[in-house]
Amino acid sequence: MACRSDWRAGWSQLSSANPLLWLGVSSELLLLTALVLWPPLAELFGMTPFPEPILLWMLSAPVVILLADAWLKRRQTRQRSECAAKP
């Protein structure tokens, strides 16, 4: 999601994204959650839930990536416009 455009931030494209992309992302999250948190599947695959402090770090990682991507794209857009404005 963060790399779908060279100049637009990832969250600015959320409303125009492919519905099949959303289906894929949501089904993957649902499957991963079931593998870790639903006892029959977790026992079958030998999985255990992450400790809460680690889980909080993991959940914050996508937000940090999207913010860094937006910041870099904004910076690059400004640099391009400044270079284009110079005579």
Protein backbone atom coordinates (compact mmCIF):
# COMPACT_ATOMS: atom_id res chain seq x y z
CA MET A 1 0.00 0.00 0.00
CA ALA A 2 2.79 2.42 0.80
CA CYS A 3 4.55 1.97 -2.55
CA ARG A 4 1.63 2.20 -4.96
CA SER A 5 2.54 5.71 -6.12
CA ASP A 6 5.70 7.74 -6.53
CA TRP A 7 4.18 10.94 -5.18
CA ARG A 8 0.92 10.17 -3.28
CA ALA A 9 0.84 8.96 0.32
CA GLY A 10 -0.49 5.47 0.96
CA TRP A 11 -3.60 6.54 2.87
CA SER A 12 -4.63 8.95 0.12
CA GLN A 13 -5.21 5.94 -2.13
CA LEU A 14 -7.31 3.87 0.26
CA SER A 15 -10.65 4.84 -1.24
CA SER A 16 -9.56 4.08 -4.81
CA ALA A 17 -7.85 0.77 -4.08
CA ASN A 18 -8.79 -2.48 -5.76
CA PRO A 19 -11.56 -4.31 -3.81
CA LEU A 20 -9.76 -7.61 -4.40
CA LEU A 21 -6.71 -6.16 -2.68
CA TRP A 22 -8.83 -5.46 0.40
CA LEU A 23 -10.25 -8.99 0.24
CA GLY A 24 -6.74 -10.43 0.12
CA VAL A 25 -5.39 -8.31 2.97
CA SER A 26 -8.38 -8.95 5.22
CA SER A 27 -8.42 -12.71 4.56
CA GLU A 28 -4.70 -12.92 5.29
CA LEU A 29 -5.13 -11.07 8.58
CA LEU A 30 -8.07 -13.28 9.52
CA LEU A 31 -6.11 -16.45 8.74
CA LEU A 32 -3.05 -15.31 10.67
CA THR A 33 -5.18 -14.34 13.65
CA ALA A 34 -6.92 -17.73 13.60
CA LEU A 35 -3.58 -19.55 13.38
CA VAL A 36 -2.26 -17.82 16.46
CA LEU A 37 -5.33 -17.26 18.64
CA TRP A 38 -7.73 -20.14 17.89
CA PRO A 39 -6.54 -23.04 20.10
CA PRO A 40 -7.19 -25.96 17.68
CA LEU A 41 -5.24 -24.33 14.83
CA ALA A 42 -2.58 -22.94 17.15
CA GLU A 43 -1.97 -26.40 18.62
CA LEU A 44 -1.93 -28.03 15.18
CA PHE A 45 0.73 -25.63 13.87
CA GLY A 46 2.58 -25.18 17.19
CA MET A 47 1.88 -21.48 17.49
CA THR A 48 1.45 -19.34 20.60
CA PRO A 49 0.29 -15.73 20.95
CA PHE A 50 2.97 -13.07 21.11
CA PRO A 51 3.56 -11.30 24.43
CA GLU A 52 1.66 -8.00 24.59
CA PRO A 53 4.71 -5.68 24.49
CA ILE A 54 5.96 -7.36 21.32
CA LEU A 55 2.49 -7.33 19.80
CA LEU A 56 2.23 -3.57 20.35
CA TRP A 57 5.54 -3.04 18.52
CA MET A 58 4.37 -5.25 15.67
CA LEU A 59 1.08 -3.37 15.32
CA SER A 60 2.85 0.00 15.26
CA ALA A 61 5.30 -1.01 12.49
CA PRO A 62 2.89 -0.53 9.53
CA VAL A 63 1.92 2.90 10.84
CA VAL A 64 5.57 3.93 11.07
CA ILE A 65 6.23 2.67 7.53
CA LEU A 66 3.25 4.58 6.10
CA LEU A 67 4.28 7.78 7.91
CA ALA A 68 7.89 7.47 6.72
CA ASP A 69 6.71 6.81 3.16
CA ALA A 70 4.42 9.86 3.21
CA TRP A 71 7.19 12.04 4.64
CA LEU A 72 9.69 10.92 1.97
CA LYS A 73 7.20 11.43 -0.85
CA ARG A 74 6.31 14.90 0.41
CA ARG A 75 10.00 15.79 0.66
CA GLN A 76 10.74 14.51 -2.85
CA THR A 77 7.75 16.39 -4.27
CA ARG A 78 8.96 19.62 -2.69
CA GLN A 79 12.48 19.12 -4.02
CA ARG A 80 11.16 18.47 -7.53
CA SER A 81 8.97 21.56 -7.46
CA GLU A 82 11.85 23.70 -6.15
CA CYS A 83 14.14 22.42 -8.92
CA ALA A 84 11.48 23.05 -11.55
CA ALA A 85 10.91 26.60 -10.26
CA LYS A 86 14.58 27.59 -10.57
CA PRO A 87 15.42 29.36 -13.81
